């Protein structure tokens, strides 16, 4: 009599298959899990892998992590580099964060006109908070400055998001 019956062997094969598929999460998923448990150093290391491969969401998240100093020293120039890479791929979160950084003068000279341009782009890309922030910065802009921000946003779109800053 065999040690394992056919059913036991089949169950073992299914179990091994499930364990194998669970352990094959990639750097994106592993980075997300690390971020959720607040292991920001691991999240940065893992997301850098997919960010270097061109993943716009990972680029955007790395930009935010550098902006906030999560898992890395706070570094606005590096945050801007990652956010710009993501924004050039029409990543709404990166566009929104660039607007916020321009609005508060984080890594940039405070510039409500540039902030408005980024909020226009983020809003057009579907970011939920961009329209509200656009209204906030627009209160401090003249109609001419708002028109300039709109023109810059349209130029950015025509250039396929390259060279927007």
N, C-alpha and C. Protein backbone atom coordinates (compact mmCIF):
# COMPACT_ATOMS: atom_id res chain seq x y z
N UNK A 1 0.85 -1.18 0.00
CA UNK A 1 0.00 0.00 0.00
C UNK A 1 0.89 1.24 0.00
N UNK A 2 0.64 2.20 -0.90
CA UNK A 2 1.47 3.40 -0.97
C UNK A 2 1.29 4.26 0.29
N UNK A 3 2.34 5.01 0.61
CA UNK A 3 2.33 5.87 1.79
C UNK A 3 1.25 6.95 1.66
N UNK A 4 1.10 7.52 0.48
CA UNK A 4 0.07 8.52 0.23
C UNK A 4 -0.90 7.99 -0.80
N UNK A 5 -2.19 8.16 -0.54
CA UNK A 5 -3.19 7.81 -1.54
C UNK A 5 -3.22 8.87 -2.62
N UNK A 6 -3.92 8.62 -3.70
CA UNK A 6 -4.02 9.59 -4.79
C UNK A 6 -4.59 10.93 -4.32
N UNK A 7 -5.58 10.89 -3.43
CA UNK A 7 -6.18 12.13 -2.92
C UNK A 7 -5.17 12.92 -2.08
N UNK A 8 -4.42 12.23 -1.27
CA UNK A 8 -3.42 12.92 -0.43
C UNK A 8 -2.34 13.55 -1.30
N UNK A 9 -1.95 12.84 -2.34
CA UNK A 9 -0.95 13.37 -3.25
C UNK A 9 -1.48 14.61 -3.98
N UNK A 10 -2.71 14.57 -4.40
CA UNK A 10 -3.33 15.71 -5.07
C UNK A 10 -3.43 16.90 -4.12
N UNK A 11 -3.83 16.63 -2.88
CA UNK A 11 -3.93 17.71 -1.89
C UNK A 11 -2.57 18.33 -1.62
N UNK A 12 -1.54 17.51 -1.54
CA UNK A 12 -0.20 17.99 -1.33
C UNK A 12 0.26 18.87 -2.50
N UNK A 13 -0.05 18.46 -3.71
CA UNK A 13 0.32 19.23 -4.90
C UNK A 13 -0.38 20.59 -4.90
N UNK A 14 -1.66 20.62 -4.55
CA UNK A 14 -2.40 21.89 -4.50
C UNK A 14 -1.81 22.80 -3.43
N UNK A 15 -1.52 22.25 -2.27
CA UNK A 15 -0.93 23.03 -1.18
C UNK A 15 0.41 23.61 -1.58
N UNK A 16 1.25 22.82 -2.19
CA UNK A 16 2.56 23.31 -2.64
C UNK A 16 2.40 24.40 -3.70
N UNK A 17 1.44 24.23 -4.58
CA UNK A 17 1.17 25.24 -5.60
C UNK A 17 0.75 26.56 -4.98
N UNK A 18 -0.12 26.50 -3.99
CA UNK A 18 -0.55 27.73 -3.30
C UNK A 18 0.61 28.39 -2.57
N UNK A 19 1.42 27.61 -1.89
CA UNK A 19 2.56 28.18 -1.18
C UNK A 19 3.54 28.82 -2.14
N UNK A 20 3.76 28.20 -3.28
CA UNK A 20 4.67 28.74 -4.26
C UNK A 20 4.15 30.05 -4.83
N UNK A 21 2.84 30.13 -5.11
CA UNK A 21 2.30 31.36 -5.68
C UNK A 21 2.30 32.49 -4.66
N UNK A 22 2.11 32.18 -3.38
CA UNK A 22 2.15 33.21 -2.35
C UNK A 22 3.56 33.75 -2.19
N UNK A 23 4.55 32.90 -2.26
CA UNK A 23 5.92 33.33 -2.04
C UNK A 23 6.51 34.04 -3.26
N UNK A 24 5.78 34.11 -4.36
CA UNK A 24 6.32 34.73 -5.57
C UNK A 24 5.81 36.15 -5.77
N UNK A 25 5.44 36.83 -4.68
CA UNK A 25 5.06 38.23 -4.81
C UNK A 25 6.28 38.99 -5.32
N UNK A 26 6.03 40.01 -6.12
CA UNK A 26 7.13 40.78 -6.67
C UNK A 26 7.50 41.96 -5.80
N UNK A 27 8.47 42.74 -6.25
CA UNK A 27 8.92 43.89 -5.47
C UNK A 27 7.81 44.90 -5.19
N UNK A 28 6.88 45.08 -6.14
CA UNK A 28 5.79 46.03 -5.92
C UNK A 28 4.94 45.58 -4.72
N UNK A 29 4.50 44.33 -4.75
CA UNK A 29 3.65 43.81 -3.69
C UNK A 29 4.40 43.75 -2.36
N UNK A 30 5.64 43.32 -2.41
CA UNK A 30 6.45 43.25 -1.20
C UNK A 30 6.70 44.65 -0.63
N UNK A 31 6.91 45.61 -1.52
CA UNK A 31 7.08 47.00 -1.08
C UNK A 31 5.83 47.54 -0.43
N UNK A 32 4.68 47.20 -1.01
CA UNK A 32 3.41 47.64 -0.43
C UNK A 32 3.22 47.03 0.96
N UNK A 33 3.53 45.75 1.09
CA UNK A 33 3.41 45.08 2.40
C UNK A 33 4.35 45.73 3.41
N UNK A 34 5.57 46.05 2.99
CA UNK A 34 6.53 46.70 3.89
C UNK A 34 6.02 48.08 4.30
N UNK A 35 5.47 48.81 3.34
CA UNK A 35 4.94 50.15 3.64
C UNK A 35 3.79 50.06 4.64
N UNK A 36 2.91 49.09 4.45
CA UNK A 36 1.77 48.92 5.35
C UNK A 36 2.21 48.63 6.78
N UNK A 37 3.31 47.93 6.95
CA UNK A 37 3.79 47.64 8.30
C UNK A 37 4.80 48.70 8.77
N UNK A 38 4.87 49.80 8.01
CA UNK A 38 5.72 50.96 8.32
C UNK A 38 7.22 50.64 8.28
N UNK A 39 7.59 49.65 7.50
CA UNK A 39 9.00 49.35 7.26
C UNK A 39 9.40 50.11 6.00
N UNK A 40 9.58 51.43 6.18
CA UNK A 40 9.79 52.31 5.04
C UNK A 40 11.12 52.06 4.33
N UNK A 41 12.14 51.66 5.07
CA UNK A 41 13.43 51.36 4.44
C UNK A 41 13.27 50.23 3.43
N UNK A 42 12.59 49.17 3.84
CA UNK A 42 12.36 48.04 2.92
C UNK A 42 11.48 48.46 1.75
N UNK A 43 10.45 49.26 2.02
CA UNK A 43 9.57 49.72 0.94
C UNK A 43 10.35 50.51 -0.11
N UNK A 44 11.21 51.41 0.35
CA UNK A 44 12.04 52.19 -0.59
C UNK A 44 12.91 51.27 -1.43
N UNK A 45 13.57 50.32 -0.79
CA UNK A 45 14.46 49.41 -1.51
C UNK A 45 13.70 48.61 -2.56
N UNK A 46 12.53 48.13 -2.20
CA UNK A 46 11.75 47.30 -3.13
C UNK A 46 11.13 48.14 -4.24
N UNK A 47 10.58 49.28 -3.90
CA UNK A 47 9.94 50.12 -4.92
C UNK A 47 10.96 50.74 -5.86
N UNK A 48 12.19 50.94 -5.38
CA UNK A 48 13.22 51.48 -6.25
C UNK A 48 13.46 50.53 -7.44
N UNK A 49 13.34 49.23 -7.20
CA UNK A 49 13.53 48.24 -8.27
C UNK A 49 12.54 48.49 -9.40
N UNK A 50 11.25 48.57 -9.07
CA UNK A 50 10.24 48.76 -10.12
C UNK A 50 10.22 50.20 -10.63
N UNK A 51 10.60 51.15 -9.79
CA UNK A 51 10.68 52.54 -10.25
C UNK A 51 11.76 52.68 -11.32
N UNK A 52 12.89 52.01 -11.11
CA UNK A 52 13.97 52.05 -12.10
C UNK A 52 13.58 51.36 -13.41
N UNK A 53 12.58 50.50 -13.34
CA UNK A 53 12.06 49.84 -14.55
C UNK A 53 11.00 50.71 -15.24
N UNK A 54 10.68 51.88 -14.66
CA UNK A 54 9.75 52.80 -15.29
C UNK A 54 8.34 52.79 -14.73
N UNK A 55 8.09 52.09 -13.63
CA UNK A 55 6.76 52.05 -13.04
C UNK A 55 6.42 53.42 -12.44
N UNK A 56 5.42 54.08 -13.00
CA UNK A 56 5.09 55.44 -12.58
C UNK A 56 4.54 55.52 -11.17
N UNK A 57 3.80 54.51 -10.72
CA UNK A 57 3.28 54.53 -9.36
C UNK A 57 4.42 54.42 -8.35
N UNK A 58 5.37 53.55 -8.62
CA UNK A 58 6.53 53.40 -7.73
C UNK A 58 7.37 54.67 -7.73
N UNK A 59 7.54 55.29 -8.89
CA UNK A 59 8.28 56.55 -8.97
C UNK A 59 7.60 57.63 -8.13
N UNK A 60 6.28 57.69 -8.24
CA UNK A 60 5.51 58.67 -7.47
C UNK A 60 5.64 58.42 -5.97
N UNK A 61 5.52 57.18 -5.56
CA UNK A 61 5.63 56.84 -4.15
C UNK A 61 7.03 57.12 -3.61
N UNK A 62 8.04 56.82 -4.39
CA UNK A 62 9.41 57.14 -3.96
C UNK A 62 9.57 58.65 -3.81
N UNK A 63 9.00 59.41 -4.74
CA UNK A 63 9.05 60.86 -4.62
C UNK A 63 8.43 61.35 -3.33
N UNK A 64 7.28 60.79 -2.99
CA UNK A 64 6.63 61.17 -1.73
C UNK A 64 7.46 60.76 -0.52
N UNK A 65 8.07 59.58 -0.60
CA UNK A 65 8.87 59.12 0.53
C UNK A 65 10.10 60.00 0.74
N UNK A 66 10.71 60.46 -0.34
CA UNK A 66 11.82 61.40 -0.21
C UNK A 66 11.32 62.75 0.29
N UNK A 67 10.15 63.17 -0.13
CA UNK A 67 9.60 64.46 0.32
C UNK A 67 9.31 64.44 1.81
N UNK A 68 8.82 63.31 2.31
CA UNK A 68 8.45 63.21 3.72
C UNK A 68 9.56 62.62 4.60
N UNK A 69 10.63 62.11 3.98
CA UNK A 69 11.70 61.48 4.75
C UNK A 69 11.29 60.15 5.34
N UNK A 70 10.56 59.36 4.58
CA UNK A 70 10.13 58.03 5.03
C UNK A 70 11.09 56.98 4.49
N UNK A 71 11.89 56.39 5.37
CA UNK A 71 12.82 55.35 4.97
C UNK A 71 14.10 55.87 4.34
N UNK A 72 14.15 57.16 4.11
CA UNK A 72 15.31 57.84 3.53
C UNK A 72 15.37 59.24 4.17
N UNK A 73 16.53 59.87 4.14
CA UNK A 73 16.56 61.26 4.62
C UNK A 73 15.69 62.14 3.72
N UNK A 74 15.02 63.12 4.30
CA UNK A 74 14.21 64.03 3.49
C UNK A 74 15.13 64.71 2.48
N UNK A 75 14.71 64.69 1.22
CA UNK A 75 15.56 65.19 0.14
C UNK A 75 14.63 65.70 -0.97
N UNK A 76 14.34 66.99 -0.94
CA UNK A 76 13.42 67.55 -1.94
C UNK A 76 13.92 67.42 -3.37
N UNK A 77 15.21 67.68 -3.65
CA UNK A 77 15.65 67.50 -5.04
C UNK A 77 15.44 66.07 -5.56
N UNK A 78 15.73 65.08 -4.72
CA UNK A 78 15.52 63.69 -5.16
C UNK A 78 14.02 63.41 -5.27
N UNK A 79 13.22 63.95 -4.36
CA UNK A 79 11.76 63.79 -4.44
C UNK A 79 11.26 64.34 -5.77
N UNK A 80 11.74 65.50 -6.14
CA UNK A 80 11.32 66.14 -7.39
C UNK A 80 11.73 65.29 -8.58
N UNK A 81 12.93 64.72 -8.55
CA UNK A 81 13.38 63.86 -9.67
C UNK A 81 12.41 62.70 -9.86
N UNK A 82 12.08 62.00 -8.78
CA UNK A 82 11.17 60.85 -8.90
C UNK A 82 9.77 61.29 -9.32
N UNK A 83 9.29 62.37 -8.72
CA UNK A 83 7.94 62.85 -9.06
C UNK A 83 7.86 63.30 -10.52
N UNK A 84 8.91 63.94 -11.00
CA UNK A 84 8.91 64.37 -12.41
C UNK A 84 8.90 63.17 -13.35
N UNK A 85 9.64 62.12 -13.03
CA UNK A 85 9.61 60.91 -13.86
C UNK A 85 8.19 60.35 -13.94
N UNK A 86 7.51 60.33 -12.80
CA UNK A 86 6.13 59.82 -12.77
C UNK A 86 5.18 60.79 -13.48
N UNK A 87 5.34 62.09 -13.24
CA UNK A 87 4.47 63.09 -13.86
C UNK A 87 4.60 63.06 -15.38
N UNK A 88 5.79 62.78 -15.88
CA UNK A 88 6.00 62.68 -17.33
C UNK A 88 5.26 61.49 -17.93
N UNK A 89 4.79 60.58 -17.07
CA UNK A 89 3.98 59.45 -17.53
C UNK A 89 2.51 59.67 -17.16
N UNK A 90 2.16 60.93 -16.89
CA UNK A 90 0.78 61.32 -16.57
C UNK A 90 0.27 60.64 -15.30
N UNK A 91 1.09 60.58 -14.28
CA UNK A 91 0.70 60.02 -12.99
C UNK A 91 0.05 61.13 -12.15
N UNK A 92 -1.27 61.05 -11.90
CA UNK A 92 -1.97 62.13 -11.20
C UNK A 92 -1.45 62.42 -9.79
N UNK A 93 -1.07 61.40 -9.04
CA UNK A 93 -0.57 61.63 -7.67
C UNK A 93 0.74 62.42 -7.70
N UNK A 94 1.59 62.14 -8.65
CA UNK A 94 2.85 62.86 -8.78
C UNK A 94 2.58 64.31 -9.18
N UNK A 95 1.67 64.52 -10.11
CA UNK A 95 1.32 65.88 -10.53
C UNK A 95 0.76 66.67 -9.36
N UNK A 96 -0.10 66.04 -8.58
CA UNK A 96 -0.69 66.69 -7.41
C UNK A 96 0.40 67.04 -6.39
N UNK A 97 1.30 66.10 -6.11
CA UNK A 97 2.36 66.34 -5.14
C UNK A 97 3.28 67.46 -5.61
N UNK A 98 3.58 67.53 -6.90
CA UNK A 98 4.39 68.63 -7.43
C UNK A 98 3.66 69.96 -7.24
N UNK A 99 2.34 69.97 -7.41
CA UNK A 99 1.56 71.17 -7.14
C UNK A 99 1.67 71.59 -5.69
N UNK A 100 1.55 70.61 -4.78
CA UNK A 100 1.64 70.91 -3.35
C UNK A 100 3.03 71.44 -3.00
N UNK A 101 4.06 70.85 -3.58
CA UNK A 101 5.42 71.27 -3.28
C UNK A 101 5.68 72.69 -3.79
N UNK A 102 5.11 73.03 -4.95
CA UNK A 102 5.22 74.40 -5.46
C UNK A 102 4.43 75.36 -4.58
N UNK A 103 3.27 74.93 -4.12
CA UNK A 103 2.41 75.76 -3.29
C UNK A 103 3.08 76.09 -1.95
N UNK A 104 3.77 75.13 -1.36
CA UNK A 104 4.39 75.33 -0.06
C UNK A 104 5.88 75.66 -0.12
N UNK A 105 6.45 75.73 -1.32
CA UNK A 105 7.86 76.05 -1.44
C UNK A 105 8.77 74.95 -0.93
N UNK A 106 8.40 73.70 -1.19
CA UNK A 106 9.20 72.56 -0.77
C UNK A 106 10.04 72.09 -1.96
N UNK A 107 11.31 72.49 -1.97
CA UNK A 107 12.20 72.13 -3.07
C UNK A 107 12.10 73.07 -4.25
N UNK A 108 11.17 73.98 -4.19
CA UNK A 108 10.95 75.01 -5.21
C UNK A 108 10.81 76.35 -4.50
N UNK A 109 10.99 77.44 -5.23
CA UNK A 109 10.53 78.72 -4.72
C UNK A 109 9.01 78.65 -4.73
N UNK A 110 8.38 79.17 -3.71
CA UNK A 110 6.92 79.13 -3.63
C UNK A 110 6.34 79.80 -4.87
N UNK A 111 5.50 79.06 -5.61
CA UNK A 111 4.99 79.55 -6.89
C UNK A 111 3.57 79.04 -7.10
N UNK A 112 2.60 79.89 -6.81
CA UNK A 112 1.19 79.48 -6.95
C UNK A 112 0.80 79.26 -8.41
N UNK A 113 1.44 79.96 -9.32
CA UNK A 113 1.16 79.76 -10.74
C UNK A 113 1.57 78.37 -11.20
N UNK A 114 2.77 77.94 -10.80
CA UNK A 114 3.23 76.58 -11.14
C UNK A 114 2.38 75.54 -10.41
N UNK A 115 2.03 75.84 -9.17
CA UNK A 115 1.16 74.93 -8.42
C UNK A 115 -0.16 74.76 -9.18
N UNK A 116 -0.70 75.87 -9.66
CA UNK A 116 -1.97 75.80 -10.40
C UNK A 116 -1.82 74.93 -11.65
N UNK A 117 -0.71 75.09 -12.37
CA UNK A 117 -0.48 74.27 -13.56
C UNK A 117 -0.52 72.78 -13.20
N UNK A 118 0.19 72.41 -12.11
CA UNK A 118 0.21 71.00 -11.73
C UNK A 118 -1.16 70.53 -11.27
N UNK A 119 -1.90 71.37 -10.56
CA UNK A 119 -3.24 70.98 -10.13
C UNK A 119 -4.19 70.83 -11.32
N UNK A 120 -4.03 71.67 -12.33
CA UNK A 120 -4.83 71.54 -13.56
C UNK A 120 -4.55 70.18 -14.20
N UNK A 121 -3.28 69.84 -14.30
CA UNK A 121 -2.90 68.55 -14.90
C UNK A 121 -3.42 67.38 -14.07
N UNK A 122 -3.24 67.45 -12.75
CA UNK A 122 -3.70 66.37 -11.87
C UNK A 122 -5.22 66.23 -11.94
N UNK A 123 -5.93 67.33 -11.99
CA UNK A 123 -7.38 67.29 -12.11
C UNK A 123 -7.80 66.65 -13.43
N UNK A 124 -7.13 67.03 -14.50
CA UNK A 124 -7.44 66.45 -15.82
C UNK A 124 -7.15 64.95 -15.85
N UNK A 125 -6.20 64.53 -15.02
CA UNK A 125 -5.85 63.11 -14.95
C UNK A 125 -6.70 62.33 -13.95
N UNK A 126 -7.61 63.04 -13.26
CA UNK A 126 -8.55 62.37 -12.39
C UNK A 126 -8.22 62.36 -10.90
N UNK A 127 -7.28 63.19 -10.45
CA UNK A 127 -6.96 63.23 -9.02
C UNK A 127 -8.11 63.92 -8.27
N UNK A 128 -8.61 63.26 -7.24
CA UNK A 128 -9.81 63.72 -6.54
C UNK A 128 -9.64 65.05 -5.81
N UNK A 129 -8.47 65.36 -5.30
CA UNK A 129 -8.27 66.58 -4.51
C UNK A 129 -7.73 67.76 -5.31
N UNK A 130 -7.35 67.54 -6.55
CA UNK A 130 -6.68 68.57 -7.34
C UNK A 130 -7.57 69.78 -7.60
N UNK A 131 -8.83 69.57 -7.87
CA UNK A 131 -9.74 70.68 -8.17
C UNK A 131 -9.86 71.61 -6.96
N UNK A 132 -9.96 71.03 -5.78
CA UNK A 132 -10.06 71.83 -4.55
C UNK A 132 -8.78 72.65 -4.34
N UNK A 133 -7.62 72.03 -4.53
CA UNK A 133 -6.36 72.75 -4.35
C UNK A 133 -6.18 73.83 -5.42
N UNK A 134 -6.67 73.56 -6.61
CA UNK A 134 -6.62 74.58 -7.67
C UNK A 134 -7.42 75.80 -7.24
N UNK A 135 -8.58 75.58 -6.66
CA UNK A 135 -9.40 76.70 -6.17
C UNK A 135 -8.67 77.48 -5.08
N UNK A 136 -7.97 76.76 -4.21
CA UNK A 136 -7.24 77.41 -3.12
C UNK A 136 -6.15 78.32 -3.67
N UNK A 137 -5.30 77.81 -4.57
CA UNK A 137 -4.21 78.65 -5.08
C UNK A 137 -4.72 79.73 -6.02
N UNK A 138 -5.83 79.48 -6.69
CA UNK A 138 -6.37 80.47 -7.62
C UNK A 138 -6.85 81.73 -6.91
N UNK A 139 -7.19 81.62 -5.63
CA UNK A 139 -7.60 82.80 -4.86
C UNK A 139 -6.48 83.84 -4.79
N UNK A 140 -5.24 83.40 -4.89
CA UNK A 140 -4.08 84.29 -4.81
C UNK A 140 -3.49 84.62 -6.19
N UNK A 141 -4.20 84.27 -7.24
CA UNK A 141 -3.71 84.52 -8.60
C UNK A 141 -4.63 85.48 -9.33
N UNK A 142 -4.05 86.27 -10.20
CA UNK A 142 -4.85 87.15 -11.06
C UNK A 142 -5.43 86.33 -12.21
N UNK A 143 -6.44 86.84 -12.89
CA UNK A 143 -6.95 86.12 -14.06
C UNK A 143 -5.86 85.85 -15.11
N UNK A 144 -4.94 86.76 -15.26
CA UNK A 144 -3.84 86.56 -16.21
C UNK A 144 -2.95 85.40 -15.77
N UNK A 145 -2.66 85.30 -14.47
CA UNK A 145 -1.83 84.21 -13.96
C UNK A 145 -2.55 82.86 -14.10
N UNK A 146 -3.83 82.84 -13.89
CA UNK A 146 -4.61 81.61 -14.07
C UNK A 146 -4.59 81.19 -15.53
N UNK A 147 -4.76 82.16 -16.43
CA UNK A 147 -4.71 81.86 -17.87
C UNK A 147 -3.34 81.32 -18.26
N UNK A 148 -2.29 81.87 -17.66
CA UNK A 148 -0.93 81.38 -17.94
C UNK A 148 -0.78 79.94 -17.45
N UNK A 149 -1.28 79.64 -16.27
CA UNK A 149 -1.22 78.27 -15.74
C UNK A 149 -1.97 77.32 -16.66
N UNK A 150 -3.12 77.73 -17.16
CA UNK A 150 -3.90 76.88 -18.07
C UNK A 150 -3.14 76.66 -19.38
N UNK A 151 -2.51 77.73 -19.89
CA UNK A 151 -1.73 77.60 -21.13
C UNK A 151 -0.54 76.67 -20.93
N UNK A 152 0.16 76.79 -19.78
CA UNK A 152 1.29 75.91 -19.49
C UNK A 152 0.84 74.45 -19.38
N UNK A 153 -0.31 74.23 -18.77
CA UNK A 153 -0.84 72.87 -18.65
C UNK A 153 -1.16 72.31 -20.03
N UNK A 154 -1.77 73.10 -20.89
CA UNK A 154 -2.09 72.64 -22.25
C UNK A 154 -0.82 72.34 -23.04
N UNK A 155 0.19 73.17 -22.88
CA UNK A 155 1.47 72.93 -23.54
C UNK A 155 2.09 71.63 -23.04
N UNK A 156 2.00 71.41 -21.75
CA UNK A 156 2.53 70.19 -21.15
C UNK A 156 1.83 68.96 -21.75
N UNK A 157 0.52 69.02 -21.87
CA UNK A 157 -0.24 67.90 -22.44
C UNK A 157 0.17 67.67 -23.89
N UNK A 158 0.31 68.74 -24.65
CA UNK A 158 0.72 68.62 -26.06
C UNK A 158 2.10 68.00 -26.19
N UNK A 159 2.97 68.27 -25.24
CA UNK A 159 4.33 67.71 -25.24
C UNK A 159 4.36 66.30 -24.64
N UNK A 160 3.20 65.76 -24.37
CA UNK A 160 3.07 64.44 -23.75
C UNK A 160 3.78 64.40 -22.40
N UNK A 161 3.60 65.48 -21.63
CA UNK A 161 4.06 65.61 -20.25
C UNK A 161 5.58 65.69 -20.11
N UNK A 162 6.28 65.96 -21.17
CA UNK A 162 7.74 66.09 -21.12
C UNK A 162 8.10 67.57 -20.98
N UNK A 163 9.05 67.87 -20.10
CA UNK A 163 9.53 69.25 -19.94
C UNK A 163 8.51 70.20 -19.38
N UNK A 164 7.69 69.73 -18.46
CA UNK A 164 6.62 70.58 -17.92
C UNK A 164 7.09 71.54 -16.85
N UNK A 165 8.18 71.28 -16.22
CA UNK A 165 8.61 72.15 -15.12
C UNK A 165 9.59 73.18 -15.58
